[in-house]
N, C-alpha and C. Protein backbone atom coordinates (compact mmCIF):
# COMPACT_ATOMS: atom_id res chain seq x y z
N ALA A 1 0.81 -1.20 0.00
CA ALA A 1 0.00 0.00 0.00
C ALA A 1 0.85 1.26 0.00
N VAL A 2 2.07 1.16 0.56
CA VAL A 2 2.88 2.34 0.72
C VAL A 2 3.18 3.03 -0.60
N VAL A 3 3.43 2.25 -1.64
CA VAL A 3 3.80 2.84 -2.91
C VAL A 3 2.64 2.85 -3.89
N SER A 4 1.44 2.76 -3.38
CA SER A 4 0.27 2.85 -4.24
C SER A 4 0.19 4.22 -4.86
N THR A 5 -0.25 4.29 -6.11
CA THR A 5 -0.39 5.58 -6.76
C THR A 5 -1.43 6.44 -6.06
N GLN A 6 -2.27 5.84 -5.23
CA GLN A 6 -3.24 6.61 -4.46
C GLN A 6 -2.60 7.24 -3.22
N SER A 7 -1.34 6.90 -2.97
CA SER A 7 -0.68 7.37 -1.75
C SER A 7 0.47 8.33 -2.06
N THR A 8 0.42 8.95 -3.23
CA THR A 8 1.54 9.78 -3.64
C THR A 8 1.70 11.02 -2.78
N GLY A 9 0.71 11.34 -1.95
CA GLY A 9 0.82 12.49 -1.07
C GLY A 9 1.99 12.37 -0.11
N ILE A 10 2.35 11.17 0.29
CA ILE A 10 3.47 11.01 1.22
C ILE A 10 4.79 11.23 0.53
N TYR A 11 4.82 11.19 -0.80
CA TYR A 11 6.05 11.39 -1.53
C TYR A 11 6.18 12.81 -2.07
N GLU A 12 5.05 13.41 -2.44
CA GLU A 12 5.08 14.70 -3.11
C GLU A 12 5.23 15.87 -2.16
N ASN A 13 4.71 15.74 -0.95
CA ASN A 13 4.62 16.88 -0.06
C ASN A 13 5.61 16.79 1.09
N GLU A 14 6.23 17.94 1.41
CA GLU A 14 7.10 18.00 2.58
C GLU A 14 6.28 17.80 3.84
N ASP A 15 5.11 18.44 3.90
CA ASP A 15 4.22 18.30 5.06
C ASP A 15 3.26 17.15 4.77
N ASN A 16 3.73 15.92 5.02
CA ASN A 16 2.98 14.74 4.60
C ASN A 16 2.43 13.94 5.77
N LEU A 17 2.37 14.55 6.96
CA LEU A 17 1.97 13.80 8.14
C LEU A 17 0.53 13.29 8.00
N GLY A 18 -0.36 14.11 7.44
CA GLY A 18 -1.75 13.69 7.27
C GLY A 18 -1.87 12.49 6.36
N ALA A 19 -1.12 12.50 5.26
CA ALA A 19 -1.16 11.38 4.31
C ALA A 19 -0.61 10.12 4.95
N ILE A 20 0.44 10.25 5.76
CA ILE A 20 1.03 9.10 6.42
C ILE A 20 0.07 8.52 7.45
N LYS A 21 -0.60 9.38 8.21
CA LYS A 21 -1.57 8.92 9.20
C LYS A 21 -2.68 8.11 8.53
N GLU A 22 -3.16 8.62 7.41
CA GLU A 22 -4.25 7.92 6.70
C GLU A 22 -3.77 6.59 6.15
N LEU A 23 -2.57 6.56 5.58
CA LEU A 23 -2.06 5.36 4.94
C LEU A 23 -1.75 4.26 5.93
N PHE A 24 -1.19 4.64 7.09
CA PHE A 24 -0.75 3.64 8.06
C PHE A 24 -1.74 3.42 9.20
N SER A 25 -2.93 3.94 9.05
CA SER A 25 -3.94 3.77 10.09
C SER A 25 -4.21 2.28 10.34
N GLY A 26 -4.17 1.87 11.61
CA GLY A 26 -4.45 0.48 11.96
C GLY A 26 -3.23 -0.40 12.08
N TYR A 27 -2.06 0.09 11.65
CA TYR A 27 -0.83 -0.70 11.72
C TYR A 27 -0.06 -0.36 13.00
N THR A 28 0.68 -1.33 13.52
CA THR A 28 1.44 -1.12 14.75
C THR A 28 2.95 -1.15 14.52
N ALA A 29 3.39 -1.51 13.32
CA ALA A 29 4.82 -1.58 13.04
C ALA A 29 5.07 -1.39 11.55
N GLU A 30 6.29 -1.00 11.24
CA GLU A 30 6.67 -0.81 9.84
C GLU A 30 8.12 -1.24 9.69
N VAL A 31 8.44 -1.91 8.59
CA VAL A 31 9.78 -2.44 8.37
C VAL A 31 10.28 -2.06 6.98
N ASP A 32 11.55 -1.63 6.90
CA ASP A 32 12.27 -1.49 5.63
C ASP A 32 11.76 -0.32 4.79
N TYR A 33 12.39 -0.20 3.61
CA TYR A 33 11.99 0.83 2.64
C TYR A 33 10.59 0.54 2.12
N PRO A 34 9.82 1.57 1.75
CA PRO A 34 10.14 2.98 1.90
C PRO A 34 9.64 3.59 3.21
N GLY A 35 8.89 2.80 4.00
CA GLY A 35 8.30 3.36 5.21
C GLY A 35 9.32 3.87 6.22
N CYS A 36 10.51 3.23 6.28
CA CYS A 36 11.51 3.66 7.27
C CYS A 36 11.98 5.08 7.02
N LEU A 37 11.80 5.58 5.81
CA LEU A 37 12.19 6.95 5.50
C LEU A 37 11.37 7.97 6.28
N PHE A 38 10.23 7.52 6.81
CA PHE A 38 9.34 8.43 7.53
C PHE A 38 9.36 8.19 9.04
N TYR A 39 10.49 7.69 9.54
CA TYR A 39 10.53 7.34 10.97
C TYR A 39 10.28 8.54 11.88
N GLU A 40 10.70 9.73 11.45
CA GLU A 40 10.49 10.92 12.28
C GLU A 40 9.00 11.27 12.36
N GLU A 41 8.31 11.08 11.25
CA GLU A 41 6.86 11.31 11.25
C GLU A 41 6.16 10.29 12.15
N PHE A 42 6.63 9.04 12.11
CA PHE A 42 6.03 8.01 12.97
C PHE A 42 6.23 8.36 14.45
N MET A 43 7.39 8.92 14.79
CA MET A 43 7.65 9.29 16.19
C MET A 43 6.74 10.44 16.62
N LYS A 44 6.41 11.33 15.69
CA LYS A 44 5.47 12.41 16.02
C LYS A 44 4.08 11.84 16.26
N MET A 45 3.71 10.85 15.46
CA MET A 45 2.39 10.23 15.60
C MET A 45 2.30 9.40 16.87
N ASN A 46 3.41 8.78 17.25
CA ASN A 46 3.44 7.91 18.43
C ASN A 46 4.73 8.16 19.21
N PRO A 47 4.68 9.09 20.17
CA PRO A 47 5.89 9.45 20.93
C PRO A 47 6.52 8.28 21.68
N ASP A 48 5.76 7.21 21.93
CA ASP A 48 6.30 6.05 22.65
C ASP A 48 6.89 5.00 21.70
N ALA A 49 6.90 5.29 20.42
CA ALA A 49 7.39 4.31 19.44
C ALA A 49 8.86 3.99 19.67
N LYS A 50 9.21 2.75 19.39
CA LYS A 50 10.61 2.31 19.46
C LYS A 50 11.14 2.20 18.04
N VAL A 51 12.41 2.51 17.90
CA VAL A 51 13.05 2.49 16.58
C VAL A 51 14.22 1.51 16.61
N ILE A 52 14.25 0.63 15.62
CA ILE A 52 15.35 -0.34 15.49
C ILE A 52 16.15 0.02 14.26
N LEU A 53 17.40 0.38 14.47
CA LEU A 53 18.31 0.73 13.37
C LEU A 53 19.19 -0.48 13.09
N THR A 54 18.92 -1.16 11.99
CA THR A 54 19.73 -2.33 11.65
C THR A 54 21.01 -1.86 10.95
N VAL A 55 22.12 -2.45 11.34
CA VAL A 55 23.41 -2.05 10.78
C VAL A 55 24.15 -3.28 10.26
N ARG A 56 25.12 -3.02 9.41
CA ARG A 56 25.99 -4.08 8.91
C ARG A 56 27.36 -3.99 9.59
N ASP A 57 28.25 -4.90 9.27
CA ASP A 57 29.57 -4.91 9.89
C ASP A 57 30.36 -3.64 9.57
N SER A 58 30.10 -3.06 8.40
CA SER A 58 30.79 -1.84 7.99
C SER A 58 29.96 -1.15 6.91
N PRO A 59 30.18 0.17 6.73
CA PRO A 59 29.49 0.86 5.63
C PRO A 59 29.79 0.22 4.28
N GLU A 60 31.02 -0.24 4.11
CA GLU A 60 31.41 -0.85 2.84
C GLU A 60 30.66 -2.16 2.59
N ALA A 61 30.41 -2.92 3.66
CA ALA A 61 29.66 -4.17 3.52
C ALA A 61 28.24 -3.89 3.06
N TRP A 62 27.62 -2.84 3.63
CA TRP A 62 26.26 -2.48 3.20
C TRP A 62 26.27 -2.00 1.76
N ALA A 63 27.23 -1.15 1.42
CA ALA A 63 27.30 -0.60 0.07
C ALA A 63 27.45 -1.71 -0.97
N LYS A 64 28.27 -2.71 -0.66
CA LYS A 64 28.46 -3.83 -1.59
C LYS A 64 27.16 -4.60 -1.77
N SER A 65 26.48 -4.89 -0.65
CA SER A 65 25.22 -5.63 -0.72
C SER A 65 24.15 -4.83 -1.46
N ALA A 66 24.03 -3.55 -1.11
CA ALA A 66 23.02 -2.70 -1.75
C ALA A 66 23.30 -2.53 -3.24
N GLY A 67 24.59 -2.39 -3.58
CA GLY A 67 24.96 -2.21 -4.98
C GLY A 67 24.67 -3.42 -5.83
N GLU A 68 24.56 -4.59 -5.18
CA GLU A 68 24.26 -5.82 -5.91
C GLU A 68 22.77 -6.15 -5.90
N THR A 69 21.99 -5.39 -5.13
CA THR A 69 20.55 -5.72 -5.00
C THR A 69 19.69 -4.47 -5.21
N ILE A 70 19.27 -3.83 -4.13
CA ILE A 70 18.28 -2.74 -4.24
C ILE A 70 18.81 -1.51 -4.97
N MET A 71 20.13 -1.29 -4.93
CA MET A 71 20.71 -0.13 -5.60
C MET A 71 21.58 -0.57 -6.77
N MET A 72 21.21 -1.64 -7.46
CA MET A 72 22.07 -2.21 -8.48
C MET A 72 22.39 -1.23 -9.60
N LEU A 73 21.51 -0.25 -9.83
CA LEU A 73 21.80 0.73 -10.88
C LEU A 73 23.01 1.59 -10.51
N ASN A 74 23.32 1.66 -9.22
CA ASN A 74 24.49 2.41 -8.78
C ASN A 74 25.77 1.81 -9.33
N SER A 75 25.75 0.50 -9.57
CA SER A 75 26.94 -0.21 -10.05
C SER A 75 27.02 -0.26 -11.57
N GLU A 76 25.98 0.20 -12.25
CA GLU A 76 25.95 0.14 -13.71
C GLU A 76 26.68 1.34 -14.29
N LYS A 77 27.78 1.08 -14.97
CA LYS A 77 28.62 2.16 -15.49
C LYS A 77 28.16 2.66 -16.87
N SER A 78 27.39 1.85 -17.58
CA SER A 78 26.92 2.25 -18.90
C SER A 78 25.77 3.25 -18.77
N TRP A 79 25.99 4.48 -19.21
CA TRP A 79 24.96 5.52 -19.11
C TRP A 79 23.70 5.11 -19.85
N LEU A 80 23.86 4.59 -21.08
CA LEU A 80 22.70 4.21 -21.88
C LEU A 80 21.93 3.08 -21.23
N LYS A 81 22.63 2.06 -20.75
CA LYS A 81 21.95 0.92 -20.12
C LYS A 81 21.21 1.38 -18.86
N ARG A 82 21.83 2.28 -18.09
CA ARG A 82 21.17 2.78 -16.88
C ARG A 82 19.88 3.49 -17.23
N LYS A 83 19.91 4.35 -18.27
CA LYS A 83 18.72 5.09 -18.66
C LYS A 83 17.61 4.15 -19.13
N VAL A 84 17.99 3.15 -19.91
CA VAL A 84 17.01 2.19 -20.41
C VAL A 84 16.38 1.44 -19.23
N MET A 85 17.21 1.01 -18.27
CA MET A 85 16.71 0.28 -17.11
C MET A 85 15.80 1.15 -16.25
N ILE A 86 16.18 2.42 -16.07
CA ILE A 86 15.38 3.33 -15.26
C ILE A 86 14.00 3.53 -15.86
N TYR A 87 13.95 3.83 -17.17
CA TYR A 87 12.65 4.07 -17.81
C TYR A 87 11.82 2.80 -17.92
N ALA A 88 12.51 1.66 -18.09
CA ALA A 88 11.78 0.40 -18.15
C ALA A 88 11.13 0.11 -16.80
N ARG A 89 11.87 0.35 -15.72
CA ARG A 89 11.32 0.11 -14.38
C ARG A 89 10.14 1.03 -14.10
N ARG A 90 10.24 2.26 -14.54
CA ARG A 90 9.15 3.20 -14.31
C ARG A 90 7.92 2.83 -15.12
N ALA A 91 8.16 2.31 -16.34
CA ALA A 91 7.04 1.89 -17.17
C ALA A 91 6.36 0.66 -16.60
N ILE A 92 7.20 -0.28 -16.10
CA ILE A 92 6.67 -1.52 -15.56
C ILE A 92 6.06 -1.30 -14.18
N THR A 93 6.73 -0.49 -13.36
CA THR A 93 6.27 -0.23 -11.99
C THR A 93 6.25 1.28 -11.77
N PRO A 94 5.17 1.97 -12.14
CA PRO A 94 5.12 3.43 -12.05
C PRO A 94 5.42 3.98 -10.66
N GLN A 95 5.09 3.22 -9.60
CA GLN A 95 5.32 3.73 -8.25
C GLN A 95 6.80 3.90 -7.94
N MET A 96 7.69 3.27 -8.73
CA MET A 96 9.13 3.44 -8.52
C MET A 96 9.54 4.90 -8.72
N TRP A 97 8.78 5.63 -9.53
CA TRP A 97 9.07 7.05 -9.75
C TRP A 97 8.94 7.81 -8.45
N TRP A 98 7.86 7.52 -7.70
CA TRP A 98 7.65 8.21 -6.42
C TRP A 98 8.69 7.76 -5.40
N PHE A 99 9.02 6.50 -5.41
CA PHE A 99 10.01 5.98 -4.48
C PHE A 99 11.35 6.66 -4.71
N SER A 100 11.75 6.80 -5.97
CA SER A 100 13.02 7.43 -6.30
C SER A 100 13.04 8.88 -5.83
N LYS A 101 11.93 9.58 -5.99
CA LYS A 101 11.86 10.98 -5.58
C LYS A 101 12.05 11.14 -4.08
N ILE A 102 11.41 10.29 -3.29
CA ILE A 102 11.52 10.44 -1.84
C ILE A 102 12.91 10.01 -1.37
N LEU A 103 13.54 9.05 -2.03
CA LEU A 103 14.90 8.66 -1.68
C LEU A 103 15.85 9.84 -1.83
N VAL A 104 15.74 10.53 -2.94
CA VAL A 104 16.61 11.69 -3.19
C VAL A 104 16.33 12.79 -2.18
N ARG A 105 15.05 13.02 -1.89
CA ARG A 105 14.69 14.09 -0.95
C ARG A 105 15.19 13.80 0.46
N VAL A 106 15.07 12.55 0.89
CA VAL A 106 15.46 12.19 2.26
C VAL A 106 16.99 12.09 2.39
N HIS A 107 17.63 11.43 1.44
CA HIS A 107 19.07 11.20 1.56
C HIS A 107 19.91 12.36 1.03
N GLY A 108 19.31 13.20 0.19
CA GLY A 108 20.06 14.32 -0.36
C GLY A 108 20.94 13.94 -1.53
N VAL A 109 20.94 12.67 -1.90
CA VAL A 109 21.70 12.18 -3.05
C VAL A 109 20.85 11.13 -3.76
N ASP A 110 21.22 10.84 -4.99
CA ASP A 110 20.53 9.81 -5.76
C ASP A 110 21.27 8.48 -5.61
N PRO A 111 20.72 7.53 -4.85
CA PRO A 111 21.43 6.26 -4.62
C PRO A 111 21.61 5.42 -5.88
N TYR A 112 20.87 5.75 -6.95
CA TYR A 112 21.01 4.98 -8.18
C TYR A 112 22.07 5.57 -9.12
N ASN A 113 22.65 6.70 -8.72
CA ASN A 113 23.67 7.34 -9.54
C ASN A 113 25.04 6.74 -9.21
N PRO A 114 25.79 6.26 -10.21
CA PRO A 114 27.10 5.65 -9.94
C PRO A 114 28.07 6.59 -9.22
N LYS A 115 27.82 7.90 -9.31
CA LYS A 115 28.71 8.85 -8.65
C LYS A 115 28.44 8.95 -7.15
N THR A 116 27.31 8.42 -6.70
CA THR A 116 26.96 8.48 -5.29
C THR A 116 27.75 7.47 -4.48
N ASP A 117 28.32 7.92 -3.39
CA ASP A 117 29.07 7.05 -2.48
C ASP A 117 28.07 6.39 -1.53
N LEU A 118 27.72 5.13 -1.81
CA LEU A 118 26.71 4.45 -1.00
C LEU A 118 27.16 4.26 0.44
N ALA A 119 28.44 4.00 0.65
CA ALA A 119 28.95 3.82 2.01
C ALA A 119 28.77 5.10 2.82
N GLN A 120 29.02 6.25 2.19
CA GLN A 120 28.84 7.53 2.89
C GLN A 120 27.37 7.80 3.14
N MET A 121 26.50 7.45 2.17
CA MET A 121 25.06 7.63 2.35
C MET A 121 24.57 6.81 3.53
N TYR A 122 25.05 5.60 3.64
CA TYR A 122 24.71 4.70 4.75
C TYR A 122 25.15 5.31 6.08
N THR A 123 26.38 5.81 6.13
CA THR A 123 26.91 6.42 7.35
C THR A 123 26.11 7.65 7.75
N ASP A 124 25.80 8.50 6.77
CA ASP A 124 25.03 9.71 7.05
C ASP A 124 23.64 9.38 7.59
N TRP A 125 23.02 8.35 7.02
CA TRP A 125 21.68 7.94 7.47
C TRP A 125 21.72 7.43 8.90
N ASN A 126 22.67 6.56 9.19
CA ASN A 126 22.78 6.03 10.55
C ASN A 126 23.02 7.15 11.56
N ASN A 127 23.90 8.08 11.21
CA ASN A 127 24.17 9.21 12.12
C ASN A 127 22.92 10.05 12.34
N ARG A 128 22.16 10.24 11.28
CA ARG A 128 20.92 11.02 11.41
C ARG A 128 19.94 10.35 12.37
N VAL A 129 19.76 9.04 12.21
CA VAL A 129 18.84 8.31 13.09
C VAL A 129 19.32 8.38 14.54
N ILE A 130 20.60 8.16 14.76
CA ILE A 130 21.16 8.18 16.11
C ILE A 130 20.99 9.55 16.76
N GLU A 131 21.13 10.60 15.95
CA GLU A 131 21.03 11.97 16.47
C GLU A 131 19.59 12.40 16.75
N THR A 132 18.62 11.79 16.08
CA THR A 132 17.24 12.26 16.18
C THR A 132 16.32 11.37 17.02
N VAL A 133 16.77 10.15 17.33
CA VAL A 133 15.95 9.25 18.15
C VAL A 133 16.50 9.23 19.57
N PRO A 134 15.66 9.44 20.59
CA PRO A 134 16.14 9.36 21.98
C PRO A 134 16.81 8.02 22.25
N PRO A 135 17.96 8.01 22.93
CA PRO A 135 18.72 6.76 23.13
C PRO A 135 17.90 5.64 23.76
N GLU A 136 16.98 5.98 24.67
CA GLU A 136 16.21 4.93 25.34
C GLU A 136 15.16 4.31 24.42
N LYS A 137 14.92 4.93 23.26
CA LYS A 137 13.93 4.40 22.32
C LYS A 137 14.58 3.82 21.07
N LEU A 138 15.90 3.74 21.09
CA LEU A 138 16.63 3.29 19.90
C LEU A 138 17.46 2.04 20.20
N LEU A 139 17.33 1.04 19.31
CA LEU A 139 18.19 -0.14 19.35
C LEU A 139 19.02 -0.16 18.08
N ILE A 140 20.33 -0.14 18.22
CA ILE A 140 21.23 -0.31 17.08
C ILE A 140 21.55 -1.80 17.01
N PHE A 141 21.09 -2.44 15.95
CA PHE A 141 21.03 -3.90 15.93
C PHE A 141 21.66 -4.49 14.68
N ASN A 142 22.60 -5.40 14.89
CA ASN A 142 23.16 -6.21 13.81
C ASN A 142 22.53 -7.60 13.93
N VAL A 143 21.96 -8.09 12.85
CA VAL A 143 21.23 -9.36 12.93
C VAL A 143 22.12 -10.51 13.39
N LYS A 144 23.43 -10.35 13.29
CA LYS A 144 24.33 -11.39 13.79
C LYS A 144 24.22 -11.56 15.30
N GLU A 145 23.65 -10.56 15.99
CA GLU A 145 23.50 -10.63 17.44
C GLU A 145 22.38 -11.58 17.85
N GLY A 146 21.51 -11.94 16.92
CA GLY A 146 20.46 -12.90 17.22
C GLY A 146 19.28 -12.31 17.98
N TRP A 147 18.50 -13.20 18.60
CA TRP A 147 17.22 -12.82 19.21
C TRP A 147 17.34 -11.91 20.43
N LYS A 148 18.29 -12.18 21.33
CA LYS A 148 18.24 -11.61 22.67
C LYS A 148 18.17 -10.08 22.72
N PRO A 149 19.10 -9.34 22.09
CA PRO A 149 19.00 -7.88 22.20
C PRO A 149 17.71 -7.33 21.60
N LEU A 150 17.24 -7.97 20.54
CA LEU A 150 16.01 -7.54 19.91
C LEU A 150 14.80 -7.78 20.82
N CYS A 151 14.73 -8.97 21.37
CA CYS A 151 13.59 -9.31 22.24
C CYS A 151 13.63 -8.51 23.55
N ASP A 152 14.82 -8.31 24.11
CA ASP A 152 14.95 -7.51 25.32
C ASP A 152 14.44 -6.09 25.08
N PHE A 153 14.79 -5.53 23.94
CA PHE A 153 14.39 -4.17 23.60
C PHE A 153 12.88 -4.05 23.45
N LEU A 154 12.27 -5.08 22.84
CA LEU A 154 10.83 -5.07 22.60
C LEU A 154 10.02 -5.59 23.79
N GLY A 155 10.71 -6.17 24.76
CA GLY A 155 10.03 -6.69 25.94
C GLY A 155 9.21 -7.93 25.67
N VAL A 156 9.75 -8.81 24.84
CA VAL A 156 9.05 -10.06 24.50
C VAL A 156 10.00 -11.23 24.75
N PRO A 157 9.45 -12.45 24.95
CA PRO A 157 10.31 -13.62 25.19
C PRO A 157 11.16 -13.97 23.97
N VAL A 158 12.29 -14.58 24.21
CA VAL A 158 13.15 -15.05 23.13
C VAL A 158 12.55 -16.33 22.56
N PRO A 159 12.28 -16.40 21.27
CA PRO A 159 11.68 -17.61 20.67
C PRO A 159 12.60 -18.83 20.79
N ASP A 160 12.01 -19.97 20.88
CA ASP A 160 12.76 -21.21 20.98
C ASP A 160 12.98 -21.77 19.57
N LYS A 161 13.63 -20.99 18.75
CA LYS A 161 13.92 -21.40 17.37
C LYS A 161 15.08 -20.55 16.86
N PRO A 162 15.81 -21.02 15.86
CA PRO A 162 16.95 -20.27 15.34
C PRO A 162 16.52 -18.92 14.77
N PHE A 163 17.40 -17.95 14.85
CA PHE A 163 17.14 -16.64 14.25
C PHE A 163 17.13 -16.81 12.73
N PRO A 164 16.12 -16.31 12.06
CA PRO A 164 16.01 -16.54 10.61
C PRO A 164 17.06 -15.77 9.81
N ARG A 165 17.46 -16.36 8.72
CA ARG A 165 18.35 -15.69 7.79
C ARG A 165 17.73 -15.80 6.40
N VAL A 166 17.13 -14.72 5.96
CA VAL A 166 16.45 -14.72 4.66
C VAL A 166 16.86 -13.48 3.88
N ASN A 167 16.41 -13.42 2.63
CA ASN A 167 16.65 -12.25 1.78
C ASN A 167 18.13 -12.00 1.55
N SER A 168 18.89 -13.06 1.30
CA SER A 168 20.30 -12.91 0.94
C SER A 168 20.40 -12.27 -0.44
N SER A 169 21.58 -11.81 -0.80
CA SER A 169 21.77 -11.20 -2.12
C SER A 169 21.35 -12.15 -3.23
N ALA A 170 21.71 -13.43 -3.08
CA ALA A 170 21.38 -14.41 -4.11
C ALA A 170 19.88 -14.61 -4.24
N SER A 171 19.18 -14.76 -3.10
CA SER A 171 17.74 -14.97 -3.15
C SER A 171 17.03 -13.71 -3.64
N PHE A 172 17.54 -12.54 -3.28
CA PHE A 172 16.95 -11.28 -3.74
C PHE A 172 17.03 -11.19 -5.26
N LYS A 173 18.21 -11.48 -5.81
CA LYS A 173 18.37 -11.43 -7.26
C LYS A 173 17.44 -12.41 -7.96
N GLU A 174 17.29 -13.60 -7.37
CA GLU A 174 16.42 -14.62 -7.96
C GLU A 174 14.97 -14.13 -7.98
N LYS A 175 14.51 -13.56 -6.85
CA LYS A 175 13.13 -13.06 -6.78
C LYS A 175 12.92 -11.89 -7.72
N MET A 176 13.90 -10.97 -7.78
CA MET A 176 13.77 -9.81 -8.64
C MET A 176 13.75 -10.21 -10.11
N THR A 177 14.58 -11.19 -10.48
CA THR A 177 14.61 -11.65 -11.87
C THR A 177 13.25 -12.22 -12.26
N ALA A 178 12.66 -13.03 -11.38
CA ALA A 178 11.35 -13.62 -11.65
C ALA A 178 10.28 -12.53 -11.76
N ARG A 179 10.37 -11.53 -10.86
CA ARG A 179 9.38 -10.46 -10.87
C ARG A 179 9.48 -9.63 -12.14
N ILE A 180 10.72 -9.31 -12.54
CA ILE A 180 10.92 -8.51 -13.75
C ILE A 180 10.41 -9.25 -14.97
N LYS A 181 10.65 -10.56 -15.03
CA LYS A 181 10.15 -11.35 -16.17
C LYS A 181 8.63 -11.29 -16.24
N ARG A 182 7.97 -11.39 -15.06
CA ARG A 182 6.50 -11.32 -15.04
C ARG A 182 6.02 -9.95 -15.51
N GLN A 183 6.69 -8.91 -15.00
CA GLN A 183 6.27 -7.55 -15.33
C GLN A 183 6.52 -7.23 -16.79
N VAL A 184 7.65 -7.71 -17.32
CA VAL A 184 7.94 -7.51 -18.75
C VAL A 184 6.89 -8.21 -19.60
N GLY A 185 6.49 -9.42 -19.16
CA GLY A 185 5.44 -10.15 -19.88
C GLY A 185 4.14 -9.37 -19.92
N VAL A 186 3.76 -8.79 -18.79
CA VAL A 186 2.54 -7.98 -18.73
C VAL A 186 2.65 -6.76 -19.63
N LEU A 187 3.83 -6.09 -19.59
CA LEU A 187 4.05 -4.91 -20.41
C LEU A 187 3.97 -5.26 -21.89
N LEU A 188 4.55 -6.38 -22.28
CA LEU A 188 4.51 -6.81 -23.68
C LEU A 188 3.09 -7.12 -24.13
N MET A 189 2.30 -7.75 -23.24
CA MET A 189 0.92 -8.05 -23.57
C MET A 189 0.12 -6.77 -23.80
N LYS A 190 0.35 -5.77 -22.94
CA LYS A 190 -0.33 -4.48 -23.11
C LYS A 190 0.07 -3.83 -24.43
N PHE A 191 1.38 -3.90 -24.73
CA PHE A 191 1.87 -3.30 -25.97
C PHE A 191 1.26 -3.98 -27.18
N LEU A 192 1.21 -5.32 -27.16
CA LEU A 192 0.65 -6.06 -28.28
C LEU A 192 -0.84 -5.78 -28.44
N LEU A 193 -1.54 -5.61 -27.31
CA LEU A 193 -2.96 -5.29 -27.36
C LEU A 193 -3.19 -3.94 -28.02
N VAL A 194 -2.40 -2.94 -27.59
CA VAL A 194 -2.52 -1.60 -28.17
C VAL A 194 -2.16 -1.64 -29.65
N LEU A 195 -1.09 -2.38 -29.99
CA LEU A 195 -0.65 -2.49 -31.38
C LEU A 195 -1.73 -3.15 -32.23
N THR A 196 -2.34 -4.21 -31.72
CA THR A 196 -3.39 -4.92 -32.46
C THR A 196 -4.59 -4.01 -32.70
N ILE A 197 -4.99 -3.28 -31.66
CA ILE A 197 -6.12 -2.35 -31.80
C ILE A 197 -5.78 -1.26 -32.82
N GLY A 198 -4.52 -0.75 -32.75
CA GLY A 198 -4.11 0.30 -33.67
C GLY A 198 -4.10 -0.17 -35.11
N VAL A 199 -3.55 -1.36 -35.34
CA VAL A 199 -3.50 -1.92 -36.70
C VAL A 199 -4.92 -2.18 -37.21
N GLY A 200 -5.78 -2.69 -36.31
CA GLY A 200 -7.16 -2.94 -36.71
C GLY A 200 -7.88 -1.68 -37.08
N ALA A 201 -7.65 -0.61 -36.30
CA ALA A 201 -8.29 0.66 -36.60
C ALA A 201 -7.83 1.24 -37.92
N ILE A 202 -6.51 1.13 -38.18
CA ILE A 202 -5.97 1.63 -39.44
C ILE A 202 -6.53 0.85 -40.62
N ALA A 203 -6.61 -0.48 -40.44
CA ALA A 203 -7.14 -1.33 -41.52
C ALA A 203 -8.60 -0.97 -41.80
N MET A 204 -9.38 -0.73 -40.75
CA MET A 204 -10.80 -0.38 -40.93
C MET A 204 -10.97 0.94 -41.64
N LEU A 205 -10.13 1.93 -41.21
CA LEU A 205 -10.21 3.24 -41.85
C LEU A 205 -9.81 3.16 -43.31
N THR A 206 -8.79 2.35 -43.60
CA THR A 206 -8.35 2.17 -44.98
C THR A 206 -9.43 1.52 -45.83
N TYR A 207 -10.09 0.52 -45.22
CA TYR A 207 -11.16 -0.20 -45.93
C TYR A 207 -12.33 0.74 -46.22
N VAL A 208 -12.69 1.56 -45.22
CA VAL A 208 -13.83 2.49 -45.39
C VAL A 208 -13.50 3.53 -46.46
N ALA A 209 -12.23 4.00 -46.43
CA ALA A 209 -11.83 5.00 -47.41
C ALA A 209 -11.82 4.41 -48.82
């Protein structure tokens, strides 16, 4: 729902608290992009909210992972290929346009631009969160630490099961490849439908003439 075209108010407007309240009404938690970009708004809505800042072993480790997955365009050196991929993604998934806009507005840089230093963007973001969230409401968490610090922070029992490890770079690429293939198929079907209608219309007009 976050990136629904009906929810563009949270991306277009600086004063977007009303749109965020409406969109997230009824929810008690939010994880990952793009909702995490609005953590300050969430704290205004719920002063007792807790914030979990997940970190990697180093900024460089995050930059490498992000450059191979969610920010893969950052690693693409071919200007033409980058442009083709950007417009293809926007055509296939229009909400990516709004997502890209809010990323630039929040981070102050374009994470998909090869000139952007992803490691520095990561560091700046972490510093911003640490500076703006009260220490007693913030957990700086590396998933390698497992259940205990997370559960202690949330005040819940530690589960009697291994800490999950999902969404690796390899699995992310596999899921994204499958999704892109599906979306390209849908886009091609739409194109062929429009082309068929257009050819039919031209043929009819030619016949009538």
